[in-house]
Amino acid sequence: MRTAKNWAPVLSACTLAVTLALVGCSKDSEQAAQGAAAQQMPPAQVGVIVAQPQSVENVVEMTGRTSAYQISEVRPQASGVILKRLFTEGSYVRSGQALYEIDDRTNRASVDNYKAAERRAQANLNALRTTEGRYRQLVGSNAVSKQEYDDIVAQVRLAEADLEAARATLKNAQINLGYSTVRAPISGQTGRSSVTAGALVTAGQADPLVKIQQLDPIYVDISQSSAELLRLRQGMKNGALDQSNNTKVKLKLEDGSMYPIEGNLAFSDASVDPETGSVTLRAVFANPNQLLLPGMFATAQVVQGIVPNAYLVPQVAVSRTPTGSAQVMVVNAENKVETRTVETVGMKDQQWVVTKGLTVGDKIIVEGVAKVKEGQDVKPSPYNPNAQKSDAQQGAGAAQGQAKPEAKSDAQPTAEAEKAPSKQATETEQTTTSNT
């Protein structure tokens, strides 16, 4: 006869066997349920665009600064005391406009002196010419020697030279007198005046009286690395880029806004700066409203060649691998997801410019990229960004609509709670009255 001690191992073994059988059945049922769910789950809906090659401008962004089209540092060319300033600081002046008036009494006296010297030289020449005419008649009758006649002719020539020198000296004095009025050499915007009335200035002094800058048009000096320039020229040499005759330049300002007027590329420097390793390019922009001022930082977008057979892919469709390679997801002929490694050369209108990795007709997944993976069955449909925006707006409107009733329902208990104490107080008053 078996005791309870003898039956214990048998019972433990039976319990273990039953437990294992139940676990196995549970796993089999779970796998079967997952398989059935996978078979019943429809393919994920994704929005795609069809890859179509096109010629895309190779737009290069480079930083730079604005500089005045013309700069003139106005200095006096005559010495004297400033009598008055004839312009308003910061105003626009035209070429030839009077800016300062310098005391001209000394220069005016010099002009008068040289005028007298000219008249004296003219009178001396007239006298010698009269004498030379008489000698010419007398030398024929031997009344005057040939030597005397030659001497008077030489004196006439010297007097003519003296008259020319006197006239030149007078002209120079008149020019210096004109310098007593300091005029603007160019048209442009004036800066701060460094002198006031009563200041003594000297001809050719080091410090300018005022600086004038022409701001319309205006230059934008931009720098391009020599490595980028070399890549660009190699791309044009091997056919990856076509030479573009389009020299238009767009400008992005410091606040991120775009300057409304396009500029033109004026020139490219012929040498590389050894300190910065860059080449200087200069663009010219019209600046009628004086929006651009010298010294402003800006980003220039320069078209340097055309990329043939390129694909424009929205930013959301391009992802990066841990190594930095760009990749996109496409839908193959069997409506399965494939991953493609692509090569980009820049951006245009918020889209990546892809040069390698895609073929004509590829269906690039743009909407639903995050919910699909390699090899998954999907149901592609044309990507419509406008529809996505309208759905988002409708969702926001529905959320606001739901929030209002909830707020109302929350407010009702509060009102009832406020009424409850008043009702209780009324009942208490009635009880007290009846007892009385």
Protein backbone atom coordinates (compact mmCIF):
# COMPACT_ATOMS: atom_id res chain seq x y z
CA MET A 1 0.00 0.00 0.00
CA ARG A 2 1.43 3.35 -1.14
CA THR A 3 1.65 6.15 1.35
CA ALA A 4 1.29 9.89 0.67
CA LYS A 5 5.05 10.18 0.69
CA ASN A 6 5.29 7.65 -2.20
CA TRP A 7 2.67 9.47 -4.31
CA ALA A 8 4.30 12.95 -4.04
CA PRO A 9 6.85 12.55 -6.93
CA VAL A 10 4.19 11.16 -9.22
CA LEU A 11 1.86 14.08 -8.55
CA SER A 12 4.66 16.63 -9.14
CA ALA A 13 5.53 15.07 -12.51
CA CYS A 14 1.90 15.10 -13.61
CA THR A 15 1.51 18.74 -12.62
CA LEU A 16 4.64 19.76 -14.59
CA ALA A 17 3.46 17.88 -17.68
CA VAL A 18 0.05 19.54 -17.60
CA THR A 19 1.65 23.00 -17.16
CA LEU A 20 4.00 22.52 -20.13
CA ALA A 21 1.12 21.33 -22.28
CA LEU A 22 -0.94 24.38 -21.40
CA VAL A 23 1.98 26.78 -22.14
CA GLY A 24 2.60 25.13 -25.51
CA CYS A 25 -1.02 25.41 -26.45
CA SER A 26 -1.03 29.08 -25.40
CA LYS A 27 2.01 29.89 -27.60
CA ASP A 28 0.54 28.03 -30.55
CA SER A 29 -2.72 29.91 -30.17
CA GLU A 30 -0.90 33.28 -29.95
CA GLN A 31 1.15 32.57 -33.09
CA ALA A 32 -1.94 31.45 -34.90
CA ALA A 33 -3.75 34.62 -33.84
CA GLN A 34 -0.83 36.79 -34.98
CA GLY A 35 -0.68 35.01 -38.32
CA ALA A 36 -4.40 35.44 -38.84
CA ALA A 37 -4.16 39.13 -37.91
CA ALA A 38 -1.25 39.59 -40.33
CA GLN A 39 -3.24 37.98 -43.09
CA GLN A 40 -6.26 40.14 -42.33
CA MET A 41 -4.27 43.48 -41.92
CA PRO A 42 -4.53 45.57 -45.13
CA PRO A 43 -1.38 47.08 -46.75
CA ALA A 44 -0.29 50.42 -45.33
CA GLN A 45 -1.44 53.48 -47.27
CA VAL A 46 1.49 55.67 -48.43
CA GLY A 47 1.70 58.83 -50.53
CA VAL A 48 4.22 58.72 -53.37
CA ILE A 49 5.62 60.96 -56.09
CA VAL A 50 6.91 59.67 -59.42
CA ALA A 51 10.57 60.41 -60.15
CA GLN A 52 10.96 62.56 -63.26
CA PRO A 53 14.38 63.89 -64.32
CA GLN A 54 14.83 67.56 -65.11
CA SER A 55 17.53 70.16 -65.51
CA VAL A 56 18.10 71.92 -62.20
CA GLU A 57 20.12 75.05 -61.56
CA ASN A 58 23.13 74.42 -59.34
CA VAL A 59 22.55 77.10 -56.71
CA VAL A 60 25.46 77.72 -54.35
CA GLU A 61 25.00 79.71 -51.14
CA MET A 62 27.92 81.89 -50.08
CA THR A 63 28.28 84.46 -47.34
CA GLY A 64 29.35 88.01 -47.98
CA ARG A 65 29.06 91.67 -47.03
CA THR A 66 27.74 94.71 -48.78
CA SER A 67 30.01 97.57 -49.83
CA ALA A 68 29.39 100.94 -51.44
CA TYR A 69 29.46 101.18 -55.23
CA GLN A 70 31.64 104.30 -54.98
CA ILE A 71 33.35 105.92 -52.00
CA SER A 72 34.82 109.41 -51.92
CA GLU A 73 36.69 110.89 -48.97
CA VAL A 74 36.43 114.63 -49.51
CA ARG A 75 39.59 116.60 -48.63
CA PRO A 76 40.33 120.30 -49.18
CA GLN A 77 42.57 121.31 -52.08
CA ALA A 78 43.01 124.84 -50.77
CA SER A 79 44.14 126.08 -47.37
CA GLY A 80 42.09 128.42 -45.25
CA VAL A 81 39.37 128.76 -42.64
CA ILE A 82 35.99 127.08 -43.15
CA LEU A 83 33.37 129.83 -43.44
CA LYS A 84 30.26 127.63 -43.66
CA ARG A 85 29.01 124.12 -44.29
CA LEU A 86 26.58 124.03 -47.20
CA PHE A 87 24.94 120.60 -46.76
CA THR A 88 23.03 118.63 -44.14
CA GLU A 89 24.84 115.67 -42.64
CA GLY A 90 23.43 112.36 -43.86
CA SER A 91 21.69 113.94 -46.84
CA TYR A 92 21.99 112.93 -50.48
CA VAL A 93 24.22 115.22 -52.55
CA ARG A 94 24.83 115.37 -56.28
CA SER A 95 28.14 115.51 -58.08
CA GLY A 96 29.41 119.11 -58.19
CA GLN A 97 27.22 120.29 -55.32
CA ALA A 98 28.94 122.79 -52.97
CA LEU A 99 29.75 121.30 -49.57
CA TYR A 100 32.03 123.83 -47.79
CA GLU A 101 33.05 127.44 -48.30
CA ILE A 102 36.69 128.29 -47.45
CA ASP A 103 37.98 131.84 -46.93
CA ASP A 104 39.20 132.82 -50.42
CA ARG A 105 40.71 136.26 -49.82
CA THR A 106 44.31 135.07 -50.18
CA ASN A 107 43.59 133.15 -53.37
CA ARG A 108 41.61 136.04 -54.81
CA ALA A 109 44.57 138.39 -54.19
CA SER A 110 46.86 135.92 -55.95
CA VAL A 111 44.56 135.93 -58.97
CA ASP A 112 44.65 139.74 -59.11
CA ASN A 113 48.46 139.71 -58.87
CA TYR A 114 48.85 137.22 -61.72
CA LYS A 115 46.39 139.13 -63.86
CA ALA A 116 48.65 142.18 -63.52
CA ALA A 117 51.70 140.08 -64.38
CA GLU A 118 49.94 138.85 -67.51
CA ARG A 119 49.14 142.40 -68.60
CA ARG A 120 52.76 143.44 -68.01
CA ALA A 121 54.04 140.54 -70.10
CA GLN A 122 51.55 141.40 -72.85
CA ALA A 123 52.67 145.04 -72.89
CA ASN A 124 56.34 144.08 -73.04
CA LEU A 125 55.65 141.72 -75.94
CA ASN A 126 53.73 144.40 -77.83
CA ALA A 127 56.65 146.85 -77.46
CA LEU A 128 59.21 144.32 -78.65
CA ARG A 129 57.07 143.34 -81.63
CA THR A 130 56.88 147.03 -82.67
CA THR A 131 60.66 147.36 -82.40
CA GLU A 132 61.17 144.15 -84.34
CA GLY A 133 59.00 145.54 -87.17
CA ARG A 134 61.08 148.70 -87.44
CA TYR A 135 64.36 146.78 -87.42
CA ARG A 136 63.08 144.57 -90.21
CA GLN A 137 62.71 147.66 -92.45
CA LEU A 138 66.05 149.17 -91.43
CA VAL A 139 68.12 146.04 -91.81
CA GLY A 140 67.41 146.05 -95.56
CA SER A 141 69.04 149.46 -95.97
CA ASN A 142 71.88 148.54 -93.64
CA ALA A 143 70.71 151.18 -91.15
CA VAL A 144 70.61 148.45 -88.52
CA SER A 145 73.05 145.61 -88.34
CA LYS A 146 71.99 142.04 -88.82
CA GLN A 147 73.11 141.26 -85.26
CA GLU A 148 70.87 143.93 -83.77
CA TYR A 149 67.91 142.60 -85.71
CA ASP A 150 68.57 139.03 -84.55
CA ASP A 151 68.76 140.23 -80.95
CA ILE A 152 65.39 141.96 -81.12
CA VAL A 153 63.81 138.87 -82.70
CA ALA A 154 65.15 136.75 -79.81
CA GLN A 155 63.71 139.22 -77.30
CA VAL A 156 60.31 138.91 -78.96
CA ARG A 157 60.46 135.14 -78.62
CA LEU A 158 61.36 135.46 -74.93
CA ALA A 159 58.52 137.92 -74.35
CA GLU A 160 56.06 135.50 -75.97
CA ALA A 161 57.25 132.76 -73.62
CA ASP A 162 56.94 135.10 -70.63
CA LEU A 163 53.35 135.89 -71.62
CA GLU A 164 52.46 132.19 -71.86
CA ALA A 165 54.01 131.58 -68.44
CA ALA A 166 52.06 134.48 -66.95
CA ARG A 167 48.82 133.13 -68.40
CA ALA A 168 49.52 129.64 -67.02
CA THR A 169 50.28 131.08 -63.59
CA LEU A 170 47.05 133.06 -63.70
CA LYS A 171 45.08 129.97 -64.68
CA ASN A 172 46.58 128.02 -61.78
CA ALA A 173 45.65 130.81 -59.38
CA GLN A 174 42.09 130.79 -60.70
CA ILE A 175 41.91 127.02 -60.17
CA ASN A 176 43.09 127.44 -56.58
CA LEU A 177 40.47 130.12 -56.11
CA GLY A 178 37.85 127.64 -57.29
CA TYR A 179 39.06 125.18 -54.66
CA SER A 180 37.85 127.61 -52.02
CA THR A 181 34.43 126.07 -52.64
CA VAL A 182 34.66 122.35 -51.80
CA ARG A 183 32.33 120.38 -54.09
CA ALA A 184 31.08 116.79 -54.10
CA PRO A 185 33.13 114.67 -56.53
CA ILE A 186 30.37 112.00 -56.78
CA SER A 187 26.66 111.70 -56.11
CA GLY A 188 25.80 109.80 -52.96
CA GLN A 189 24.95 109.75 -49.29
CA THR A 190 26.99 111.97 -46.99
CA GLY A 191 28.22 110.92 -43.58
CA ARG A 192 29.21 112.92 -40.53
CA SER A 193 31.15 116.12 -41.12
CA SER A 194 34.51 116.18 -39.34
CA VAL A 195 34.79 120.00 -39.30
CA THR A 196 32.58 122.96 -38.52
CA ALA A 197 32.68 126.63 -39.44
CA GLY A 198 35.85 128.27 -38.13
CA ALA A 199 38.08 125.23 -38.53
CA LEU A 200 41.42 125.69 -40.28
CA VAL A 201 42.05 123.22 -43.09
CA THR A 202 45.06 122.68 -45.30
CA ALA A 203 45.36 121.45 -48.84
CA GLY A 204 45.79 117.67 -49.03
CA GLN A 205 45.36 117.04 -45.30
CA ALA A 206 45.12 113.43 -44.09
CA ASP A 207 41.71 113.65 -42.41
CA PRO A 208 38.74 113.90 -44.79
CA LEU A 209 36.13 116.58 -44.27
CA VAL A 210 33.29 114.15 -45.04
CA LYS A 211 32.79 110.78 -46.73
CA ILE A 212 30.32 110.28 -49.57
CA GLN A 213 29.08 106.80 -50.54
CA GLN A 214 27.07 105.85 -53.60
CA LEU A 215 24.55 103.22 -52.42
CA ASP A 216 22.49 102.71 -55.57
CA PRO A 217 23.61 100.39 -57.01
CA ILE A 218 25.53 98.56 -54.29
CA TYR A 219 28.15 95.81 -54.27
CA VAL A 220 27.95 92.50 -52.41
CA ASP A 221 31.39 90.90 -52.00
CA ILE A 222 31.04 87.15 -51.45
CA SER A 223 33.62 84.43 -50.81
CA GLN A 224 33.71 80.97 -52.35
CA SER A 225 36.11 78.30 -51.13
CA SER A 226 38.74 77.19 -53.60
CA ALA A 227 37.65 73.55 -53.04
CA GLU A 228 34.07 74.38 -54.08
CA LEU A 229 35.33 76.29 -57.11
CA LEU A 230 37.52 73.33 -58.10
CA ARG A 231 34.60 70.91 -57.74
CA LEU A 232 32.44 73.19 -59.86
CA ARG A 233 35.00 73.41 -62.66
CA GLN A 234 35.64 69.67 -62.62
CA GLY A 235 31.88 69.05 -62.83
CA MET A 236 31.67 71.26 -65.90
CA LYS A 237 34.68 69.53 -67.43
CA ASN A 238 33.34 65.98 -67.07
CA GLY A 239 29.78 66.91 -68.04
CA ALA A 240 28.15 66.61 -64.62
CA LEU A 241 27.34 70.33 -64.89
CA ASP A 242 26.45 72.43 -67.90
CA GLN A 243 27.81 75.95 -68.21
CA SER A 244 25.10 78.47 -67.38
CA ASN A 245 24.92 81.93 -68.88
CA ASN A 246 22.61 82.95 -66.08
CA THR A 247 24.55 85.31 -63.82
CA LYS A 248 21.59 86.24 -61.62
CA VAL A 249 22.22 86.36 -57.88
CA LYS A 250 19.61 86.27 -55.10
CA LEU A 251 20.28 87.72 -51.68
CA LYS A 252 19.12 86.50 -48.27
CA LEU A 253 19.31 89.18 -45.57
CA GLU A 254 20.33 88.83 -41.92
CA ASP A 255 16.72 88.44 -40.75
CA GLY A 256 16.17 85.52 -43.13
CA SER A 257 14.06 87.46 -45.63
CA MET A 258 14.87 87.55 -49.34
CA TYR A 259 15.92 90.82 -50.99
CA PRO A 260 13.22 91.58 -53.58
CA ILE A 261 15.60 92.56 -56.41
CA GLU A 262 17.92 90.11 -58.17
CA GLY A 263 21.52 91.12 -58.79
CA ASN A 264 24.12 90.34 -61.42
CA LEU A 265 27.53 88.75 -60.97
CA ALA A 266 30.04 91.48 -61.86
CA PHE A 267 33.36 89.61 -61.69
CA SER A 268 35.28 86.75 -60.11
CA ASP A 269 38.76 87.31 -58.71
CA ALA A 270 41.58 85.66 -60.63
CA SER A 271 43.52 84.50 -57.56
CA VAL A 272 42.92 82.66 -54.28
CA ASP A 273 43.45 84.47 -50.99
CA PRO A 274 46.29 82.51 -49.31
CA GLU A 275 45.03 83.39 -45.80
CA THR A 276 41.40 82.31 -46.23
CA GLY A 277 41.71 79.87 -49.14
CA SER A 278 38.77 81.50 -50.89
CA VAL A 279 38.01 83.39 -54.08
CA THR A 280 36.15 86.70 -54.01
CA LEU A 281 33.10 87.20 -56.21
CA ARG A 282 31.34 90.54 -56.59
CA ALA A 283 27.66 91.01 -57.37
CA VAL A 284 25.84 94.25 -58.14
CA PHE A 285 22.33 94.96 -56.83
CA ALA A 286 19.98 97.86 -57.46
CA ASN A 287 19.24 99.60 -54.17
CA PRO A 288 16.62 102.29 -54.86
CA ASN A 289 15.14 102.33 -51.34
CA GLN A 290 18.51 102.28 -49.53
CA LEU A 291 17.53 99.01 -47.84
CA LEU A 292 21.07 97.69 -48.16
CA LEU A 293 23.79 99.59 -46.31
CA PRO A 294 27.56 99.07 -46.49
CA GLY A 295 28.86 96.46 -44.06
CA MET A 296 25.67 94.39 -43.82
CA PHE A 297 26.04 90.59 -43.65
CA ALA A 298 24.13 88.66 -46.33
CA THR A 299 23.94 85.23 -47.96
CA ALA A 300 24.13 85.18 -51.73
CA GLN A 301 22.53 82.43 -53.80
CA VAL A 302 24.54 82.16 -57.01
CA VAL A 303 23.60 79.98 -59.98
CA GLN A 304 26.79 78.20 -61.03
CA GLY A 305 25.96 75.75 -63.79
CA ILE A 306 23.01 73.46 -64.47
CA VAL A 307 22.64 69.85 -63.25
CA PRO A 308 21.11 67.76 -66.07
CA ASN A 309 18.87 64.74 -65.37
CA ALA A 310 18.42 65.53 -61.68
CA TYR A 311 15.48 64.64 -59.42
CA LEU A 312 13.82 66.99 -56.94
CA VAL A 313 12.82 65.07 -53.79
CA PRO A 314 10.99 66.66 -50.81
CA GLN A 315 12.99 66.90 -47.59
CA VAL A 316 10.63 64.60 -45.67
CA ALA A 317 11.34 61.73 -48.06
CA VAL A 318 15.13 61.77 -47.51
CA SER A 319 16.69 60.26 -44.39
CA ARG A 320 20.28 59.80 -43.28
CA THR A 321 22.11 56.66 -42.23
CA PRO A 322 24.48 56.63 -39.23
CA THR A 323 27.34 57.10 -41.71
CA GLY A 324 25.68 60.17 -43.22
CA SER A 325 24.53 58.61 -46.50
CA ALA A 326 21.22 59.83 -47.91
CA GLN A 327 18.49 57.29 -48.64
CA VAL A 328 14.87 57.20 -49.78
CA MET A 329 12.13 54.55 -49.74
CA VAL A 330 10.49 53.56 -53.02
CA VAL A 331 7.62 51.23 -53.97
CA ASN A 332 8.61 48.52 -56.46
CA ALA A 333 6.46 46.80 -59.09
CA GLU A 334 5.15 44.32 -56.46
CA ASN A 335 4.04 47.17 -54.18
CA LYS A 336 6.78 46.36 -51.67
CA VAL A 337 9.04 48.87 -49.98
CA GLU A 338 12.67 49.15 -51.11
CA THR A 339 15.42 51.34 -49.67
CA ARG A 340 17.61 53.27 -52.12
CA THR A 341 20.88 55.02 -51.34
CA VAL A 342 21.02 58.32 -53.24
CA GLU A 343 23.50 61.12 -53.81
CA THR A 344 22.52 64.76 -53.31
CA VAL A 345 24.29 67.91 -54.49
CA GLY A 346 22.27 70.60 -52.76
CA MET A 347 18.77 71.97 -52.34
CA LYS A 348 16.33 73.94 -54.46
CA ASP A 349 13.00 75.30 -53.19
CA GLN A 350 13.17 73.17 -50.00
CA GLN A 351 13.79 69.99 -52.02
CA TRP A 352 16.90 67.85 -52.32
CA VAL A 353 18.60 67.70 -55.72
CA VAL A 354 19.33 63.99 -56.28
CA THR A 355 21.80 63.01 -59.02
CA LYS A 356 22.33 59.28 -58.38
CA GLY A 357 20.31 56.35 -57.01
CA LEU A 358 16.97 56.93 -58.75
CA THR A 359 15.56 55.97 -62.14
CA VAL A 360 12.74 57.37 -64.21
CA GLY A 361 9.33 56.31 -62.88
CA ASP A 362 10.44 55.33 -59.37
CA LYS A 363 7.64 55.80 -56.82
CA ILE A 364 9.22 57.70 -53.94
CA ILE A 365 7.41 57.47 -50.60
CA VAL A 366 6.78 60.95 -49.21
CA GLU A 367 3.83 60.43 -46.85
CA GLY A 368 3.94 57.56 -44.34
CA VAL A 369 7.70 57.04 -44.40
CA ALA A 370 7.86 56.50 -40.64
CA LYS A 371 5.31 53.65 -40.56
CA VAL A 372 6.81 51.38 -43.25
CA LYS A 373 9.95 49.27 -43.49
CA GLU A 374 11.97 47.33 -46.05
CA GLY A 375 9.95 44.57 -47.77
CA GLN A 376 6.55 45.62 -46.40
CA ASP A 377 3.47 45.51 -48.61
CA VAL A 378 1.99 48.97 -49.16
CA LYS A 379 -0.79 50.61 -51.12
CA PRO A 380 0.63 53.66 -52.95
CA SER A 381 -1.41 56.71 -53.90
CA PRO A 382 -0.36 60.09 -55.33
CA TYR A 383 1.01 62.41 -52.66
CA ASN A 384 -1.16 65.50 -52.10
CA PRO A 385 0.39 67.97 -49.64
CA ASN A 386 -2.70 70.22 -49.76
CA ALA A 387 -4.95 67.38 -48.59
CA GLN A 388 -2.60 66.70 -45.68
CA LYS A 389 -2.84 70.34 -44.60
CA SER A 390 -6.65 70.33 -44.76
CA ASP A 391 -6.80 67.12 -42.67
CA ALA A 392 -4.63 68.72 -40.03
CA GLN A 393 -6.86 71.79 -39.95
CA GLN A 394 -10.00 69.64 -39.62
CA GLY A 395 -8.41 67.67 -36.78
CA ALA A 396 -7.56 70.87 -34.95
CA GLY A 397 -11.13 72.13 -35.40
CA ALA A 398 -12.59 68.88 -34.06
CA ALA A 399 -10.33 69.02 -31.01
CA GLN A 400 -11.51 72.55 -30.26
CA GLY A 401 -15.15 71.44 -30.67
CA GLN A 402 -14.71 68.62 -28.17
CA ALA A 403 -12.99 70.87 -25.68
CA LYS A 404 -15.98 73.27 -25.42
CA PRO A 405 -18.66 70.70 -24.22
CA GLU A 406 -16.19 69.27 -21.72
CA ALA A 407 -15.64 72.71 -20.33
CA LYS A 408 -19.41 73.19 -20.11
CA SER A 409 -19.95 69.85 -18.33
CA ASP A 410 -17.18 70.73 -15.91
CA ALA A 411 -18.90 74.00 -15.18
CA GLN A 412 -22.30 72.41 -14.37
CA PRO A 413 -21.21 70.46 -11.25
CA THR A 414 -19.61 73.60 -9.98
CA ALA A 415 -22.87 75.48 -10.32
CA GLU A 416 -24.78 72.66 -8.61
CA ALA A 417 -22.22 72.61 -5.83
CA GLU A 418 -22.75 76.33 -5.33
CA LYS A 419 -26.54 75.84 -5.16
CA ALA A 420 -26.33 72.93 -2.64
CA PRO A 421 -25.21 74.99 0.39
CA SER A 422 -27.89 77.60 -0.24
CA LYS A 423 -30.59 74.86 -0.40
CA GLN A 424 -29.31 73.32 2.84
CA ALA A 425 -29.37 76.71 4.51
CA THR A 426 -33.01 77.23 3.48
CA GLU A 427 -34.07 73.87 4.96
CA THR A 428 -32.30 74.74 8.21
CA GLU A 429 -34.14 78.06 8.44
CA GLN A 430 -37.51 76.33 7.89
CA THR A 431 -36.80 73.78 10.66
CA THR A 432 -35.86 76.52 13.09
CA THR A 433 -39.05 78.44 12.36
CA SER A 434 -41.28 75.40 12.93
CA ASN A 435 -39.59 74.62 16.24
CA THR A 436 -40.15 78.15 17.36
